[in-house]
Amino acid sequence: MPKPRYWWQTFGDFAPADEREQRPDPLEVLVFFLDRMEVSQKHRVATLMEILGVKKTVVYDLFNGKGFDSIARCRRLVKALSIPPQLLALDAQYCGEEQWWHRYQLSFAAGSDGYPEMSKVIVYFRHHMFKEVNGVQQPWTQGDLARALNLTEVTVSKMENNHTPTSMDQISRRELLARVIQTTVKTPQAALVFALLGLDQRSFSLPKQDTALFPAIHLPSTSLDTASLDMHRQIHKALFEEYFSRHGQEALEEARLWQKVIIRQIAPLAQGSQHIDVLALQSLYHQFIGDIAREQRRDDTTLFHMNKAVALAQDALRLAQGNTIASLTYTKQLEAAARLRRAAAHFEQGTLSPARNDIDAALALGAKMPASHIKTQVLLSAGNIHAHTAQGSIDGIKALSFFDQASQQFALGSFEDDPFFIRSSSGMLYIKRGMALCAPKMSGNPLEALDDAERLTSPELARRRLLIDIFRAQALIDIKEYEQATTLALQALETSRRLRSKLNRDRIENLYTQLCNTTYKGEPFLVRLGVQLQMWK
């Protein structure tokens, strides 16, 4: 598999520092240049203690990957070990050039580090940040900046008055400040803020996307029997459990591996009705991988797998024609599940017409089915998709009728068997209803539905609780409760990051865009949300 190309690979083959993949791992950089300076392992600790003027415990922290957030420490390492500054996220473009900022009409005095005085930079840019108060643009106060940075007003005061220079020693704090400035300040000089703060702009920019393919996997052959098929069903269960409770992305490689096992070793051994079982297994692997790709917003990959899932389910349904009623029902449900997930993919990508086509096809497949997880979830998704394609009140009434039908299904009792890993529930009924009531042409109170959803949804279903917060924020924006909406959006963004859900991160960015077009624009709390979004692209 070809490795992704990073900007720093001309210096060395370092791994990324974190999941953002914006700069190299500083520990790998340090070890590389210690080796280059021919510092033996035996003398590394003593050498670094001398270079940095620190105790042995601090050096041990460095070798555990901690302590690289200090700009002063990184500058000493750069100077002593001849490390290119940008490899430790430090400015290399203007390094060593005296008062370079003067040519950009910035008159700051130089500080002891050769860069402009930090306190003056902060004050200058804060005076160019504005919010609307009673229809009038007012510059930010120290309290406003503190709120955007999630610091105390006392800390910001010290930063602006240079009372404690160490308060700006953290690279992460400088990054956050730079992002707040670039988000808020409209003057051309804001483009220089990373360099003014002594940082390398490229180390905090988006990486290029890696489009490399997974390697081929070759495994020894196995025999096909009932136990083998049951084993894969248990694997499916474990994969989807991981997806529901966390994010499932760490299991993606495993799912791809087992998918190849099915194609290369299981499918060739299938006989009779086993062909239907094998097609179902393949379809469900594609549905799982497609769901993960949907969360990652890899849109083409998502549709590739969802198309495969539907096609395989249709093949299974064709084979089931003339077979037992149970087999025919199962394969209809399989295709309904595949179409349900593909409809969700189209819906999230904004292609509402194919989303509606898929969900309508799933409705037709389930029309004569008994109550089940798949039938109720199709009804719930139909309600949401029809609400978002509604052109008037009659369409809106039809959309809400799907929720009434689903409610009747739930009234028949709980559904124990869930072979397609749908997990339909009363909580999901109210989540989807709340989402539907947020649609432009719908009338009703989504907040009431979302309150019921929270009450009925287990905290263990983190992704569903996340949806509740996001659409609650949307409903609050619609009634002009902007600060509450921003609070929820910040909370939801942290959950999205934990779940590695780019899909929900983008939903939150849409909320942010809406808020930026309201009277709340320029508020520090909203700027904090914008900065947090920038820091996770």
Protein backbone atom coordinates (compact mmCIF):
# COMPACT_ATOMS: atom_id res chain seq x y z
CA MET A 1 0.00 0.00 0.00
CA PRO A 2 1.50 3.38 -0.97
CA LYS A 3 2.07 5.65 2.00
CA PRO A 4 0.32 9.01 2.18
CA ARG A 5 2.57 11.94 1.32
CA TYR A 6 3.07 14.54 4.03
CA TRP A 7 4.83 17.86 3.64
CA TRP A 8 7.57 16.85 6.07
CA GLN A 9 8.63 13.66 4.31
CA THR A 10 11.46 15.47 2.54
CA PHE A 11 13.04 15.74 6.01
CA GLY A 12 12.29 12.22 7.25
CA ASP A 13 9.71 9.45 7.28
CA PHE A 14 8.02 10.58 10.50
CA ALA A 15 4.54 9.49 11.57
CA PRO A 16 1.93 12.24 12.11
CA ALA A 17 1.72 13.77 15.59
CA ASP A 18 -1.98 12.95 15.92
CA GLU A 19 -5.12 12.10 13.97
CA ARG A 20 -5.16 15.56 12.37
CA GLU A 21 -2.03 14.59 10.39
CA GLN A 22 -0.88 18.21 10.17
CA ARG A 23 2.66 17.88 11.51
CA PRO A 24 5.19 15.17 12.36
CA ASP A 25 5.47 13.36 15.67
CA PRO A 26 7.91 15.54 17.68
CA LEU A 27 9.37 12.56 19.54
CA GLU A 28 10.28 10.85 16.26
CA VAL A 29 11.82 14.12 15.08
CA LEU A 30 13.86 14.44 18.28
CA VAL A 31 15.18 10.87 18.13
CA PHE A 32 16.05 11.26 14.43
CA PHE A 33 18.15 14.37 15.03
CA LEU A 34 19.79 12.94 18.14
CA ASP A 35 20.90 10.04 15.96
CA ARG A 36 22.02 12.47 13.29
CA MET A 37 24.15 14.29 15.87
CA GLU A 38 25.56 10.86 16.83
CA VAL A 39 24.27 11.08 20.40
CA SER A 40 24.24 7.50 21.68
CA GLN A 41 21.27 6.11 23.58
CA LYS A 42 23.42 5.97 26.68
CA HIS A 43 24.07 9.74 26.59
CA ARG A 44 20.70 10.99 25.33
CA VAL A 45 19.24 11.83 28.74
CA ALA A 46 22.35 13.70 29.91
CA THR A 47 22.62 15.57 26.61
CA LEU A 48 19.02 16.77 26.77
CA MET A 49 19.34 17.74 30.44
CA GLU A 50 22.26 19.96 29.45
CA ILE A 51 20.55 21.43 26.36
CA LEU A 52 17.29 22.20 28.12
CA GLY A 53 18.55 22.89 31.63
CA VAL A 54 15.98 20.57 33.14
CA LYS A 55 15.80 17.64 35.52
CA LYS A 56 15.96 14.02 34.46
CA THR A 57 12.20 13.55 34.98
CA VAL A 58 11.44 16.21 32.34
CA VAL A 59 13.63 14.39 29.82
CA TYR A 60 11.89 11.12 30.63
CA ASP A 61 8.59 12.88 29.91
CA LEU A 62 9.94 13.94 26.53
CA PHE A 63 10.77 10.34 25.67
CA ASN A 64 7.18 9.48 26.60
CA GLY A 65 5.95 12.05 24.09
CA LYS A 66 5.14 14.74 26.66
CA GLY A 67 6.59 18.23 27.02
CA PHE A 68 6.73 19.28 23.36
CA ASP A 69 3.99 21.89 23.89
CA SER A 70 6.53 24.37 25.27
CA ILE A 71 7.68 26.80 22.58
CA ALA A 72 10.77 27.78 24.60
CA ARG A 73 11.80 24.13 24.95
CA CYS A 74 11.28 23.44 21.26
CA ARG A 75 13.34 26.48 20.31
CA ARG A 76 16.26 25.21 22.42
CA LEU A 77 16.03 21.81 20.72
CA VAL A 78 15.98 23.44 17.29
CA LYS A 79 19.07 25.50 18.04
CA ALA A 80 21.10 22.76 19.75
CA LEU A 81 20.30 19.88 17.37
CA SER A 82 19.96 21.84 14.10
CA ILE A 83 16.33 20.74 13.68
CA PRO A 84 14.39 22.56 10.95
CA PRO A 85 11.98 24.69 13.04
CA GLN A 86 8.87 23.68 11.12
CA LEU A 87 9.32 20.06 12.21
CA LEU A 88 8.47 21.19 15.76
CA ALA A 89 5.67 23.50 14.52
CA LEU A 90 7.83 26.63 14.80
CA ASP A 91 8.04 29.44 12.24
CA ALA A 92 10.80 28.92 9.70
CA GLN A 93 9.81 31.53 7.12
CA TYR A 94 10.78 34.62 9.12
CA CYS A 95 13.03 33.06 11.75
CA GLY A 96 16.12 35.24 12.24
CA GLU A 97 14.78 38.16 10.18
CA GLU A 98 14.69 41.32 12.28
CA GLN A 99 11.31 43.04 12.66
CA TRP A 100 9.97 41.50 9.45
CA TRP A 101 6.42 42.46 10.46
CA HIS A 102 7.15 46.17 9.92
CA ARG A 103 6.84 45.72 6.16
CA TYR A 104 3.24 44.62 6.76
CA GLN A 105 2.40 47.91 8.54
CA LEU A 106 2.62 46.36 12.00
CA SER A 107 4.66 48.49 14.39
CA PHE A 108 5.14 46.11 17.32
CA ALA A 109 8.42 46.26 19.22
CA ALA A 110 10.53 43.10 19.13
CA GLY A 111 10.51 40.80 22.12
CA SER A 112 13.47 38.90 23.55
CA ASP A 113 12.75 35.95 21.22
CA GLY A 114 13.04 38.08 18.06
CA TYR A 115 9.31 38.02 17.41
CA PRO A 116 6.89 40.87 18.20
CA GLU A 117 5.93 41.39 21.83
CA MET A 118 3.19 38.87 22.43
CA SER A 119 1.11 41.08 24.71
CA LYS A 120 0.97 43.85 22.08
CA VAL A 121 -0.05 41.39 19.35
CA ILE A 122 -2.94 40.12 21.47
CA VAL A 123 -4.21 43.61 22.32
CA TYR A 124 -3.88 44.77 18.70
CA PHE A 125 -5.97 41.94 17.30
CA ARG A 126 -8.53 42.02 20.11
CA HIS A 127 -9.25 45.64 19.18
CA HIS A 128 -10.02 44.40 15.66
CA MET A 129 -12.57 41.84 16.88
CA PHE A 130 -16.18 43.02 16.91
CA LYS A 131 -19.58 41.84 18.07
CA GLU A 132 -22.99 43.41 17.66
CA VAL A 133 -24.53 45.02 20.75
CA ASN A 134 -27.98 46.58 20.27
CA GLY A 135 -27.30 46.91 16.56
CA VAL A 136 -23.91 48.59 17.06
CA GLN A 137 -20.51 46.98 16.40
CA GLN A 138 -18.46 46.94 19.62
CA PRO A 139 -14.84 45.73 20.04
CA TRP A 140 -14.26 42.66 22.17
CA THR A 141 -13.41 43.02 25.83
CA GLN A 142 -10.87 40.87 27.67
CA GLY A 143 -13.84 38.90 28.96
CA ASP A 144 -14.99 38.21 25.40
CA LEU A 145 -11.57 36.92 24.40
CA ALA A 146 -11.42 34.80 27.55
CA ARG A 147 -14.75 33.24 26.67
CA ALA A 148 -13.62 32.41 23.13
CA LEU A 149 -10.40 30.84 24.44
CA ASN A 150 -12.13 29.06 27.34
CA LEU A 151 -9.82 30.85 29.80
CA THR A 152 -10.45 33.14 32.75
CA GLU A 153 -10.51 36.89 32.28
CA VAL A 154 -7.62 37.12 34.76
CA THR A 155 -5.49 34.88 32.51
CA VAL A 156 -6.22 37.02 29.44
CA SER A 157 -5.37 40.15 31.40
CA LYS A 158 -2.00 38.64 32.33
CA MET A 159 -1.42 37.64 28.69
CA GLU A 160 -2.11 41.20 27.52
CA ASN A 161 0.02 42.83 30.20
CA ASN A 162 2.91 40.38 29.97
CA HIS A 163 2.68 39.68 33.71
CA THR A 164 3.37 35.99 33.24
CA PRO A 165 5.22 35.30 29.96
CA THR A 166 4.97 31.58 30.67
CA SER A 167 1.19 31.83 30.11
CA MET A 168 1.93 31.99 26.39
CA ASP A 169 4.61 29.31 26.36
CA GLN A 170 2.16 26.61 25.28
CA ILE A 171 2.12 25.99 21.53
CA SER A 172 -1.44 24.70 21.83
CA ARG A 173 -2.57 27.97 23.43
CA ARG A 174 -0.89 29.97 20.69
CA GLU A 175 -2.60 27.83 18.07
CA LEU A 176 -5.99 28.39 19.68
CA LEU A 177 -5.38 32.16 19.89
CA ALA A 178 -4.28 32.26 16.24
CA ARG A 179 -7.41 30.42 15.13
CA VAL A 180 -9.66 32.75 17.12
CA ILE A 181 -7.94 35.74 15.49
CA GLN A 182 -8.16 34.32 11.97
CA THR A 183 -11.82 33.44 12.50
CA THR A 184 -12.76 36.89 13.81
CA VAL A 185 -10.41 39.55 12.42
CA LYS A 186 -11.03 40.73 8.85
CA THR A 187 -7.81 42.75 8.29
CA PRO A 188 -5.16 41.32 5.89
CA GLN A 189 -2.65 41.16 8.77
CA ALA A 190 -4.67 38.34 10.35
CA ALA A 191 -3.17 36.02 7.72
CA LEU A 192 0.21 36.52 9.44
CA VAL A 193 -0.94 35.63 12.92
CA PHE A 194 0.66 32.16 13.13
CA ALA A 195 4.04 33.60 12.16
CA LEU A 196 3.56 36.57 14.51
CA LEU A 197 3.05 34.04 17.30
CA GLY A 198 6.20 32.18 16.24
CA LEU A 199 4.36 29.21 14.71
CA ASP A 200 4.55 27.44 11.37
CA GLN A 201 1.26 27.98 9.49
CA ARG A 202 1.61 24.73 7.54
CA SER A 203 1.82 22.70 10.75
CA PHE A 204 -1.74 23.75 11.54
CA SER A 205 -3.27 23.42 8.08
CA LEU A 206 -5.32 20.62 6.55
CA PRO A 207 -3.32 17.63 5.25
CA LYS A 208 -3.92 16.16 1.83
CA GLN A 209 -6.35 13.29 1.88
CA ASP A 210 -4.94 9.79 1.59
CA THR A 211 -6.78 7.87 -1.11
CA ALA A 212 -4.65 4.74 -0.84
CA LEU A 213 -6.41 1.39 -1.03
CA PHE A 214 -6.26 -1.39 1.53
CA PRO A 215 -3.79 -4.16 0.72
CA ALA A 216 -4.93 -7.52 -0.52
CA ILE A 217 -5.25 -10.14 2.23
CA HIS A 218 -4.57 -13.82 1.70
CA LEU A 219 -5.77 -16.30 4.32
CA PRO A 220 -5.75 -20.09 4.46
CA SER A 221 -8.95 -21.76 3.19
CA THR A 222 -11.70 -22.97 5.55
CA SER A 223 -14.60 -25.37 5.20
CA LEU A 224 -18.19 -24.18 4.90
CA ASP A 225 -20.67 -25.54 7.42
CA THR A 226 -23.34 -24.19 9.73
CA ALA A 227 -20.70 -23.30 12.32
CA SER A 228 -18.80 -21.16 9.77
CA LEU A 229 -21.94 -19.23 8.83
CA ASP A 230 -22.86 -18.75 12.50
CA MET A 231 -19.34 -17.51 13.22
CA HIS A 232 -19.74 -14.74 10.63
CA ARG A 233 -23.12 -13.80 12.07
CA GLN A 234 -21.45 -13.40 15.47
CA ILE A 235 -18.73 -11.29 13.83
CA HIS A 236 -21.43 -9.07 12.32
CA LYS A 237 -23.03 -8.70 15.74
CA ALA A 238 -19.72 -7.68 17.35
CA LEU A 239 -18.96 -5.18 14.57
CA PHE A 240 -22.33 -3.46 14.78
CA GLU A 241 -22.23 -3.44 18.60
CA GLU A 242 -18.94 -1.55 18.36
CA TYR A 243 -20.51 0.83 15.84
CA PHE A 244 -23.54 1.56 18.02
CA SER A 245 -21.66 2.06 21.30
CA ARG A 246 -18.51 3.82 20.03
CA HIS A 247 -17.54 4.37 16.41
CA GLY A 248 -16.52 0.98 14.98
CA GLN A 249 -13.71 2.49 12.93
CA GLU A 250 -11.03 0.44 14.63
CA ALA A 251 -12.88 -2.68 13.39
CA LEU A 252 -12.91 -1.51 9.77
CA GLU A 253 -9.79 -3.42 8.78
CA GLU A 254 -11.17 -6.56 10.42
CA ALA A 255 -14.45 -6.19 8.50
CA ARG A 256 -12.57 -5.87 5.21
CA LEU A 257 -10.53 -8.94 6.05
CA TRP A 258 -13.59 -11.07 6.80
CA GLN A 259 -15.28 -9.76 3.67
CA LYS A 260 -12.36 -11.13 1.63
CA VAL A 261 -12.61 -14.45 3.47
CA ILE A 262 -16.26 -14.71 2.38
CA ILE A 263 -15.46 -13.97 -1.27
CA ARG A 264 -12.36 -16.15 -1.58
CA GLN A 265 -12.99 -19.06 0.73
CA ILE A 266 -16.63 -19.30 1.80
CA ALA A 267 -18.61 -18.42 -1.34
CA PRO A 268 -16.93 -21.06 -3.58
CA LEU A 269 -18.00 -23.80 -1.14
CA ALA A 270 -21.68 -22.76 -0.86
CA GLN A 271 -24.36 -25.21 -1.97
CA GLY A 272 -28.14 -24.87 -2.35
CA SER A 273 -29.71 -22.43 0.12
CA GLN A 274 -26.24 -21.61 1.49
CA HIS A 275 -25.84 -19.25 -1.49
CA ILE A 276 -28.53 -17.04 0.06
CA ASP A 277 -26.73 -17.10 3.43
CA VAL A 278 -23.43 -16.15 1.80
CA LEU A 279 -25.00 -13.28 -0.17
CA ALA A 280 -26.59 -12.01 3.05
CA LEU A 281 -23.23 -12.13 4.85
CA GLN A 282 -21.58 -10.21 2.02
CA SER A 283 -24.35 -7.61 1.94
CA LEU A 284 -24.10 -7.01 5.68
CA TYR A 285 -20.31 -6.57 5.53
CA HIS A 286 -20.82 -3.95 2.82
CA GLN A 287 -23.54 -2.29 4.93
CA PHE A 288 -21.20 -2.08 7.92
CA ILE A 289 -18.28 -0.68 5.89
CA GLY A 290 -20.66 1.73 4.17
CA ASP A 291 -21.95 2.98 7.54
CA ILE A 292 -18.39 3.64 8.72
CA ALA A 293 -17.53 5.45 5.47
CA ARG A 294 -20.71 7.53 5.89
CA GLU A 295 -19.57 8.62 9.35
CA GLN A 296 -16.17 9.52 7.87
CA ARG A 297 -17.85 11.48 5.02
CA ARG A 298 -16.10 9.41 2.39
CA ASP A 299 -19.09 9.85 0.14
CA ASP A 300 -17.95 7.91 -2.95
CA THR A 301 -16.79 4.99 -0.80
CA THR A 302 -20.08 5.01 1.07
CA LEU A 303 -22.18 4.72 -2.07
CA PHE A 304 -19.86 2.09 -3.55
CA HIS A 305 -20.45 -0.20 -0.57
CA MET A 306 -24.14 0.62 -0.24
CA ASN A 307 -24.70 -0.11 -3.94
CA LYS A 308 -22.90 -3.44 -3.48
CA ALA A 309 -25.04 -4.19 -0.41
CA VAL A 310 -28.29 -3.56 -2.32
CA ALA A 311 -27.16 -5.57 -5.36
CA LEU A 312 -26.15 -8.56 -3.23
CA ALA A 313 -29.46 -8.41 -1.33
CA GLN A 314 -31.35 -8.35 -4.63
CA ASP A 315 -29.38 -11.42 -5.79
CA ALA A 316 -30.37 -13.18 -2.56
CA LEU A 317 -34.02 -12.24 -3.08
CA ARG A 318 -33.98 -13.64 -6.62
CA LEU A 319 -32.54 -16.92 -5.36
CA ALA A 320 -35.24 -17.07 -2.66
CA GLN A 321 -38.10 -16.92 -5.20
CA GLY A 322 -39.95 -20.25 -5.01
CA ASN A 323 -38.15 -21.07 -1.75
CA THR A 324 -39.72 -21.16 1.72
CA ILE A 325 -41.81 -18.24 2.98
CA ALA A 326 -39.26 -17.71 5.75
CA SER A 327 -36.45 -17.44 3.20
CA LEU A 328 -38.43 -15.02 1.05
CA THR A 329 -39.31 -12.83 4.04
CA TYR A 330 -35.70 -12.81 5.23
CA THR A 331 -34.32 -11.71 1.85
CA LYS A 332 -36.96 -8.99 1.48
CA GLN A 333 -35.92 -7.69 4.89
CA LEU A 334 -32.27 -7.88 3.83
CA GLU A 335 -32.92 -5.71 0.77
CA ALA A 336 -35.02 -3.33 2.88
CA ALA A 337 -32.10 -2.99 5.32
CA ALA A 338 -29.64 -2.31 2.50
CA ARG A 339 -31.95 0.27 0.93
CA LEU A 340 -32.58 1.86 4.34
CA ARG A 341 -28.86 2.41 4.82
CA ARG A 342 -28.35 3.62 1.24
CA ALA A 343 -31.26 6.04 1.71
CA ALA A 344 -29.49 7.40 4.80
CA ALA A 345 -26.30 7.86 2.76
CA HIS A 346 -28.11 9.77 0.01
CA PHE A 347 -29.96 11.86 2.60
CA GLU A 348 -26.74 12.90 4.34
CA GLN A 349 -25.15 13.77 0.98
CA GLY A 350 -28.10 16.00 0.15
CA THR A 351 -29.37 13.89 -2.76
CA LEU A 352 -32.96 13.69 -1.55
CA SER A 353 -34.59 12.23 -4.66
CA PRO A 354 -32.61 8.93 -4.63
CA ALA A 355 -32.97 8.86 -0.83
CA ARG A 356 -36.75 8.98 -1.22
CA ASN A 357 -36.67 6.37 -4.00
CA ASP A 358 -34.74 3.97 -1.77
CA ILE A 359 -36.90 4.47 1.30
CA ASP A 360 -40.09 4.09 -0.76
CA ALA A 361 -38.73 0.83 -2.20
CA ALA A 362 -37.94 -0.33 1.35
CA LEU A 363 -41.51 0.55 2.39
CA ALA A 364 -42.87 -1.57 -0.44
CA LEU A 365 -40.67 -4.51 0.52
CA GLY A 366 -41.93 -4.34 4.11
CA ALA A 367 -45.59 -3.67 3.36
CA LYS A 368 -46.78 -7.17 4.30
CA MET A 369 -44.06 -8.00 6.81
CA PRO A 370 -44.77 -8.64 10.48
CA ALA A 371 -43.68 -6.03 13.04
CA SER A 372 -39.89 -5.99 13.31
CA HIS A 373 -36.85 -3.77 13.81
CA ILE A 374 -36.39 -3.30 10.09
CA LYS A 375 -40.06 -2.49 9.36
CA THR A 376 -40.31 0.16 12.08
CA GLN A 377 -36.96 1.74 11.23
CA VAL A 378 -37.97 2.01 7.57
CA LEU A 379 -41.16 3.79 8.67
CA LEU A 380 -39.15 6.19 10.87
CA SER A 381 -36.68 7.01 8.11
CA ALA A 382 -39.54 7.41 5.64
CA GLY A 383 -41.11 9.98 7.96
CA ASN A 384 -37.88 11.96 8.15
CA ILE A 385 -37.03 11.80 4.43
CA HIS A 386 -40.59 12.64 3.36
CA ALA A 387 -40.59 15.57 5.79
CA HIS A 388 -37.43 16.97 4.18
CA THR A 389 -38.89 16.58 0.68
CA ALA A 390 -42.32 17.98 1.65
CA GLN A 391 -43.62 20.79 -0.55
CA GLY A 392 -46.60 21.74 1.58
CA SER A 393 -48.89 20.85 4.47
CA ILE A 394 -50.39 17.75 2.80
CA ASP A 395 -46.89 16.30 2.31
CA GLY A 396 -46.13 17.17 5.92
CA ILE A 397 -49.18 15.30 7.18
CA LYS A 398 -48.18 12.26 5.14
CA ALA A 399 -44.65 12.40 6.58
CA LEU A 400 -45.97 12.45 10.15
CA SER A 401 -48.30 9.54 9.40
CA PHE A 402 -45.24 7.26 9.08
CA PHE A 403 -44.41 7.97 12.72
CA ASP A 404 -47.96 7.06 13.73
CA GLN A 405 -47.61 3.75 11.86
CA ALA A 406 -44.29 3.06 13.58
CA SER A 407 -45.84 3.83 16.95
CA GLN A 408 -48.51 1.22 16.24
CA GLN A 409 -45.76 -1.30 15.49
CA PHE A 410 -44.11 -0.59 18.84
CA ALA A 411 -47.47 -1.02 20.58
CA LEU A 412 -47.44 -4.65 19.46
CA GLY A 413 -44.47 -5.35 21.75
CA SER A 414 -40.67 -5.47 21.66
CA PHE A 415 -38.78 -7.06 18.78
CA GLU A 416 -36.24 -9.59 19.97
CA ASP A 417 -34.75 -10.78 16.68
CA ASP A 418 -32.60 -8.15 14.94
CA PRO A 419 -30.64 -10.00 12.21
CA PHE A 420 -29.80 -6.79 10.32
CA PHE A 421 -28.56 -4.83 13.36
CA ILE A 422 -31.05 -1.96 13.11
CA ARG A 423 -31.90 -1.41 16.80
CA SER A 424 -35.20 0.34 16.22
CA SER A 425 -36.65 1.74 19.45
CA SER A 426 -39.12 4.19 20.92
CA GLY A 427 -36.20 6.53 21.50
CA MET A 428 -35.37 6.41 17.81
CA LEU A 429 -39.01 7.14 16.96
CA TYR A 430 -38.74 10.48 18.77
CA ILE A 431 -35.27 11.24 17.40
CA LYS A 432 -36.51 10.84 13.83
CA ARG A 433 -39.70 12.75 14.61
CA GLY A 434 -37.64 15.60 16.06
CA MET A 435 -35.42 15.59 12.96
CA ALA A 436 -38.49 15.64 10.72
CA LEU A 437 -40.03 18.59 12.58
CA CYS A 438 -36.83 20.57 11.94
CA ALA A 439 -37.45 20.33 8.18
CA PRO A 440 -38.30 23.66 6.46
CA LYS A 441 -41.90 22.87 5.47
CA MET A 442 -42.91 21.13 8.70
CA SER A 443 -44.86 22.59 11.60
CA GLY A 444 -44.69 21.38 15.18
CA ASN A 445 -42.36 21.52 18.17
CA PRO A 446 -39.24 19.39 17.65
CA LEU A 447 -37.98 20.15 21.17
CA GLU A 448 -40.82 18.17 22.77
CA ALA A 449 -40.03 15.14 20.60
CA LEU A 450 -36.31 15.44 21.34
CA ASP A 451 -36.97 15.65 25.08
CA ASP A 452 -38.88 12.37 24.82
CA ALA A 453 -36.04 10.94 22.75
CA GLU A 454 -33.49 11.75 25.45
CA ARG A 455 -35.67 10.14 28.10
CA LEU A 456 -36.04 6.95 26.07
CA THR A 457 -32.49 6.63 24.68
CA SER A 458 -29.80 4.81 26.66
CA PRO A 459 -26.63 6.85 27.35
CA GLU A 460 -24.72 3.88 25.92
CA LEU A 461 -26.07 4.74 22.46
CA ALA A 462 -23.73 7.69 22.15
CA ARG A 463 -24.37 8.39 18.46
CA ARG A 464 -28.11 8.62 19.02
CA ARG A 465 -27.65 10.93 22.02
CA LEU A 466 -25.42 13.02 19.77
CA LEU A 467 -28.21 13.34 17.18
CA ILE A 468 -30.54 14.57 19.91
CA ASP A 469 -28.10 17.36 20.86
CA ILE A 470 -27.50 18.41 17.24
CA PHE A 471 -31.15 18.67 16.30
CA ARG A 472 -31.98 20.30 19.61
CA ALA A 473 -29.42 22.96 18.69
CA GLN A 474 -31.11 23.32 15.29
CA ALA A 475 -34.49 23.78 16.94
CA LEU A 476 -33.03 26.40 19.30
CA ILE A 477 -31.57 28.33 16.36
CA ASP A 478 -35.02 28.32 14.75
CA ILE A 479 -36.49 30.01 17.85
CA LYS A 480 -33.51 32.41 18.15
CA GLU A 481 -32.05 30.89 21.33
CA TYR A 482 -28.55 31.29 19.93
CA GLU A 483 -26.44 30.96 23.08
CA GLN A 484 -28.15 27.73 24.14
CA ALA A 485 -27.72 26.41 20.60
CA THR A 486 -23.99 27.22 20.66
CA THR A 487 -23.57 25.52 24.03
CA LEU A 488 -25.17 22.35 22.68
CA ALA A 489 -23.16 22.54 19.47
CA LEU A 490 -19.89 22.71 21.43
CA GLN A 491 -20.96 19.74 23.54
CA ALA A 492 -21.97 17.81 20.43
CA LEU A 493 -18.68 18.59 18.70
CA GLU A 494 -16.73 17.01 21.53
CA THR A 495 -18.89 13.88 21.31
CA SER A 496 -18.47 13.81 17.52
CA ARG A 497 -14.70 13.95 17.95
CA ARG A 498 -14.81 11.05 20.42
CA LEU A 499 -16.95 9.04 18.01
CA ARG A 500 -14.77 10.08 15.06
CA SER A 501 -17.94 11.14 13.28
CA LYS A 502 -17.03 13.53 10.49
CA LEU A 503 -20.67 13.30 9.43
CA ASN A 504 -21.87 14.90 12.66
CA ARG A 505 -18.95 17.31 12.71
CA ASP A 506 -20.22 18.62 9.36
CA ARG A 507 -23.75 18.84 10.73
CA ILE A 508 -22.39 21.04 13.52
CA GLU A 509 -20.53 23.19 11.00
CA ASN A 510 -23.86 23.76 9.30
CA LEU A 511 -25.25 24.96 12.64
CA TYR A 512 -22.24 27.26 13.00
CA THR A 513 -22.84 28.72 9.52
CA GLN A 514 -26.46 29.42 10.40
CA LEU A 515 -25.43 31.11 13.66
CA CYS A 516 -22.92 33.27 11.78
CA ASN A 517 -25.84 34.67 9.78
CA THR A 518 -27.68 35.85 12.89
CA THR A 519 -27.29 38.72 15.35
CA TYR A 520 -25.13 36.32 17.39
CA LYS A 521 -22.35 36.63 14.81
CA GLY A 522 -19.06 37.73 16.37
CA GLU A 523 -19.95 36.54 19.87
CA PRO A 524 -16.88 34.99 21.56
CA PHE A 525 -18.73 31.81 22.42
CA LEU A 526 -19.58 31.33 18.74
CA VAL A 527 -16.00 32.09 17.74
CA ARG A 528 -14.86 29.32 20.09
CA LEU A 529 -17.14 26.93 18.21
CA GLY A 530 -15.70 28.07 14.89
CA VAL A 531 -12.15 27.57 16.12
CA GLN A 532 -12.92 24.09 17.46
CA LEU A 533 -14.38 23.21 14.07
CA GLN A 534 -11.23 24.47 12.34
CA MET A 535 -9.09 22.30 14.57
CA TRP A 536 -10.89 19.18 13.38
CA LYS A 537 -11.43 19.15 9.63
